[in-house]
């Protein structure tokens, strides 16, 4: 059994209005050392695959078919054995 950790962010070329709003709010409260903010998603998935290779293939498949809009988002995967 494996635990898949998926981090999804907007591609660098895509504007992030939510990140811009948070950046402005941080500036408004005096946090002037923050130069940029990007907002993303974090998802954990428990997998019953028997090998690490199968688990990674499953994670890529579910990201591409459901979780990630690859036109505007990119993703990173981590895998832990449970």
N, C-alpha and C. Protein backbone atom coordinates (compact mmCIF):
# COMPACT_ATOMS: atom_id res chain seq x y z
N UNK A 1 0.85 -1.18 0.00
CA UNK A 1 0.00 0.00 0.00
C UNK A 1 0.89 1.24 0.00
N UNK A 2 0.46 2.25 -0.73
CA UNK A 2 1.23 3.47 -0.89
C UNK A 2 0.37 4.70 -0.62
N UNK A 3 1.05 5.78 -0.25
CA UNK A 3 0.41 7.08 -0.10
C UNK A 3 0.99 8.00 -1.17
N UNK A 4 0.14 8.45 -2.08
CA UNK A 4 0.56 9.38 -3.11
C UNK A 4 0.26 10.79 -2.69
N UNK A 5 1.26 11.67 -2.84
CA UNK A 5 1.10 13.07 -2.51
C UNK A 5 1.23 13.88 -3.79
N UNK A 6 0.20 14.63 -4.12
CA UNK A 6 0.13 15.36 -5.38
C UNK A 6 0.08 16.86 -5.10
N UNK A 7 1.03 17.59 -5.66
CA UNK A 7 1.04 19.06 -5.57
C UNK A 7 0.74 19.61 -6.96
N UNK A 8 -0.30 20.43 -7.04
CA UNK A 8 -0.74 20.99 -8.32
C UNK A 8 -0.62 22.51 -8.24
N UNK A 9 0.05 23.09 -9.23
CA UNK A 9 0.20 24.54 -9.28
C UNK A 9 -0.09 25.03 -10.69
N UNK A 10 -0.41 26.31 -10.78
CA UNK A 10 -0.57 26.93 -12.09
C UNK A 10 0.81 27.02 -12.75
N UNK A 11 0.85 26.85 -14.06
CA UNK A 11 2.10 27.02 -14.78
C UNK A 11 2.57 28.46 -14.62
N UNK A 12 3.89 28.66 -14.70
CA UNK A 12 4.47 29.99 -14.50
C UNK A 12 3.90 31.03 -15.47
N UNK A 13 3.53 30.60 -16.66
CA UNK A 13 3.03 31.54 -17.67
C UNK A 13 1.57 31.95 -17.44
N UNK A 14 0.90 31.32 -16.48
CA UNK A 14 -0.52 31.58 -16.21
C UNK A 14 -0.64 32.56 -15.04
N UNK A 15 -1.43 33.61 -15.23
CA UNK A 15 -1.67 34.56 -14.14
C UNK A 15 -2.39 33.87 -12.99
N UNK A 16 -2.05 34.26 -11.77
CA UNK A 16 -2.63 33.67 -10.56
C UNK A 16 -3.32 34.78 -9.76
N UNK A 17 -4.60 35.09 -10.07
CA UNK A 17 -5.27 36.18 -9.36
C UNK A 17 -5.39 35.94 -7.85
N UNK A 18 -5.58 34.70 -7.46
CA UNK A 18 -5.69 34.39 -6.02
C UNK A 18 -4.34 34.65 -5.34
N UNK A 19 -3.26 34.23 -5.98
CA UNK A 19 -1.93 34.50 -5.43
C UNK A 19 -1.64 35.99 -5.35
N UNK A 20 -2.06 36.73 -6.38
CA UNK A 20 -1.87 38.19 -6.37
C UNK A 20 -2.63 38.85 -5.23
N UNK A 21 -3.83 38.37 -4.97
CA UNK A 21 -4.64 38.90 -3.86
C UNK A 21 -3.96 38.64 -2.52
N UNK A 22 -3.45 37.44 -2.33
CA UNK A 22 -2.74 37.11 -1.08
C UNK A 22 -1.47 37.94 -0.97
N UNK A 23 -0.76 38.12 -2.07
CA UNK A 23 0.46 38.92 -2.05
C UNK A 23 0.16 40.36 -1.62
N UNK A 24 -0.91 40.93 -2.17
CA UNK A 24 -1.30 42.29 -1.81
C UNK A 24 -1.69 42.37 -0.33
N UNK A 25 -2.44 41.37 0.15
CA UNK A 25 -2.84 41.36 1.56
C UNK A 25 -1.62 41.27 2.48
N UNK A 26 -0.64 40.45 2.10
CA UNK A 26 0.58 40.37 2.90
C UNK A 26 1.31 41.71 2.93
N UNK A 27 1.37 42.36 1.79
CA UNK A 27 2.00 43.68 1.72
C UNK A 27 1.26 44.68 2.60
N UNK A 28 -0.07 44.61 2.58
CA UNK A 28 -0.90 45.52 3.38
C UNK A 28 -0.67 45.35 4.88
N UNK A 29 -0.29 44.15 5.31
CA UNK A 29 -0.05 43.94 6.75
C UNK A 29 1.43 44.07 7.10
N UNK A 30 2.23 44.57 6.14
CA UNK A 30 3.62 44.87 6.43
C UNK A 30 4.62 43.81 6.05
N UNK A 31 4.18 42.74 5.42
CA UNK A 31 5.11 41.67 5.00
C UNK A 31 5.68 42.03 3.63
N UNK A 32 6.61 42.96 3.62
CA UNK A 32 7.14 43.49 2.37
C UNK A 32 8.27 42.65 1.78
N UNK A 33 8.75 41.65 2.48
CA UNK A 33 9.82 40.80 1.97
C UNK A 33 9.31 39.70 1.04
N UNK A 34 8.00 39.54 0.93
CA UNK A 34 7.42 38.52 0.06
C UNK A 34 7.35 39.09 -1.35
N UNK A 35 8.03 38.43 -2.31
CA UNK A 35 8.08 38.98 -3.66
C UNK A 35 7.01 38.40 -4.59
N UNK A 36 6.48 37.21 -4.27
CA UNK A 36 5.46 36.61 -5.12
C UNK A 36 4.73 35.52 -4.34
N UNK A 37 3.49 35.27 -4.70
CA UNK A 37 2.70 34.19 -4.09
C UNK A 37 1.99 33.45 -5.21
N UNK A 38 2.09 32.12 -5.19
CA UNK A 38 1.36 31.26 -6.13
C UNK A 38 0.53 30.30 -5.29
N UNK A 39 -0.74 30.18 -5.60
CA UNK A 39 -1.65 29.30 -4.88
C UNK A 39 -1.83 28.01 -5.66
N UNK A 40 -1.86 26.88 -4.96
CA UNK A 40 -2.03 25.59 -5.61
C UNK A 40 -2.93 24.68 -4.80
N UNK A 41 -2.89 23.40 -5.16
CA UNK A 41 -3.69 22.38 -4.46
C UNK A 41 -2.75 21.25 -4.02
N UNK A 42 -3.12 20.62 -2.92
CA UNK A 42 -2.38 19.48 -2.41
C UNK A 42 -3.39 18.36 -2.16
N UNK A 43 -3.11 17.18 -2.70
CA UNK A 43 -4.04 16.05 -2.59
C UNK A 43 -3.26 14.81 -2.15
N UNK A 44 -3.82 14.04 -1.22
CA UNK A 44 -3.24 12.76 -0.82
C UNK A 44 -4.17 11.65 -1.26
N UNK A 45 -3.58 10.57 -1.82
CA UNK A 45 -4.35 9.45 -2.32
C UNK A 45 -3.75 8.16 -1.78
N UNK A 46 -4.55 7.34 -1.13
CA UNK A 46 -4.09 6.02 -0.68
C UNK A 46 -4.29 5.03 -1.82
N UNK A 47 -3.24 4.27 -2.11
CA UNK A 47 -3.26 3.36 -3.25
C UNK A 47 -3.01 1.92 -2.79
N UNK A 48 -3.73 0.99 -3.40
CA UNK A 48 -3.56 -0.43 -3.09
C UNK A 48 -2.65 -1.15 -4.08
N UNK A 49 -1.89 -0.40 -4.87
CA UNK A 49 -0.99 -1.01 -5.83
C UNK A 49 0.09 -1.81 -5.10
N UNK A 50 0.57 -2.87 -5.75
CA UNK A 50 1.54 -3.75 -5.08
C UNK A 50 2.99 -3.32 -5.28
N UNK A 51 3.27 -2.50 -6.29
CA UNK A 51 4.64 -2.03 -6.51
C UNK A 51 4.68 -0.52 -6.63
N UNK A 52 5.86 0.03 -6.41
CA UNK A 52 6.04 1.48 -6.53
C UNK A 52 5.78 1.94 -7.96
N UNK A 53 6.24 1.16 -8.93
CA UNK A 53 6.03 1.50 -10.34
C UNK A 53 4.54 1.57 -10.68
N UNK A 54 3.77 0.59 -10.22
CA UNK A 54 2.32 0.59 -10.46
C UNK A 54 1.66 1.80 -9.80
N UNK A 55 2.09 2.10 -8.58
CA UNK A 55 1.51 3.24 -7.85
C UNK A 55 1.77 4.56 -8.58
N UNK A 56 3.00 4.74 -9.08
CA UNK A 56 3.32 5.96 -9.83
C UNK A 56 2.50 6.04 -11.12
N UNK A 57 2.34 4.92 -11.79
CA UNK A 57 1.52 4.92 -13.01
C UNK A 57 0.08 5.29 -12.69
N UNK A 58 -0.44 4.78 -11.58
CA UNK A 58 -1.80 5.12 -11.16
C UNK A 58 -1.92 6.62 -10.88
N UNK A 59 -0.95 7.17 -10.15
CA UNK A 59 -0.98 8.60 -9.84
C UNK A 59 -0.96 9.45 -11.11
N UNK A 60 -0.07 9.13 -12.04
CA UNK A 60 -0.01 9.88 -13.29
C UNK A 60 -1.35 9.77 -14.04
N UNK A 61 -1.91 8.58 -14.06
CA UNK A 61 -3.17 8.37 -14.79
C UNK A 61 -4.30 9.20 -14.20
N UNK A 62 -4.44 9.21 -12.87
CA UNK A 62 -5.55 9.97 -12.27
C UNK A 62 -5.32 11.48 -12.37
N UNK A 63 -4.05 11.89 -12.36
CA UNK A 63 -3.77 13.32 -12.55
C UNK A 63 -4.17 13.75 -13.95
N UNK A 64 -3.76 12.98 -14.94
CA UNK A 64 -4.04 13.34 -16.33
C UNK A 64 -5.52 13.21 -16.69
N UNK A 65 -6.22 12.26 -16.07
CA UNK A 65 -7.61 12.04 -16.45
C UNK A 65 -8.61 12.88 -15.65
N UNK A 66 -8.22 13.33 -14.44
CA UNK A 66 -9.22 14.01 -13.60
C UNK A 66 -8.69 15.21 -12.81
N UNK A 67 -7.55 15.08 -12.17
CA UNK A 67 -7.16 16.07 -11.18
C UNK A 67 -6.47 17.31 -11.74
N UNK A 68 -5.80 17.19 -12.88
CA UNK A 68 -4.97 18.28 -13.38
C UNK A 68 -5.43 18.73 -14.77
N UNK A 69 -5.57 20.03 -14.93
CA UNK A 69 -5.82 20.61 -16.25
C UNK A 69 -4.44 20.98 -16.81
N UNK A 70 -3.88 20.10 -17.62
CA UNK A 70 -2.50 20.27 -18.06
C UNK A 70 -2.28 21.46 -19.00
N UNK A 71 -3.35 22.10 -19.44
CA UNK A 71 -3.21 23.30 -20.24
C UNK A 71 -2.67 24.44 -19.37
N UNK A 72 -3.15 24.54 -18.14
CA UNK A 72 -2.77 25.66 -17.26
C UNK A 72 -2.09 25.22 -15.97
N UNK A 73 -2.08 23.93 -15.66
CA UNK A 73 -1.50 23.45 -14.41
C UNK A 73 -0.38 22.45 -14.65
N UNK A 74 0.52 22.37 -13.67
CA UNK A 74 1.53 21.33 -13.66
C UNK A 74 1.43 20.62 -12.31
N UNK A 75 2.04 19.44 -12.22
CA UNK A 75 1.95 18.70 -10.96
C UNK A 75 3.26 18.00 -10.64
N UNK A 76 3.44 17.74 -9.34
CA UNK A 76 4.59 16.99 -8.83
C UNK A 76 4.05 15.87 -7.96
N UNK A 77 4.71 14.73 -8.02
CA UNK A 77 4.26 13.57 -7.25
C UNK A 77 5.32 13.13 -6.26
N UNK A 78 4.85 12.66 -5.12
CA UNK A 78 5.70 11.98 -4.13
C UNK A 78 4.98 10.71 -3.74
N UNK A 79 5.73 9.69 -3.41
CA UNK A 79 5.14 8.41 -3.06
C UNK A 79 5.79 7.88 -1.80
N UNK A 80 4.97 7.45 -0.85
CA UNK A 80 5.47 6.84 0.39
C UNK A 80 4.86 5.47 0.56
N UNK A 81 5.64 4.53 1.02
CA UNK A 81 5.13 3.21 1.32
C UNK A 81 4.46 3.27 2.69
N UNK A 82 3.26 2.71 2.77
CA UNK A 82 2.51 2.71 4.04
C UNK A 82 2.68 1.39 4.75
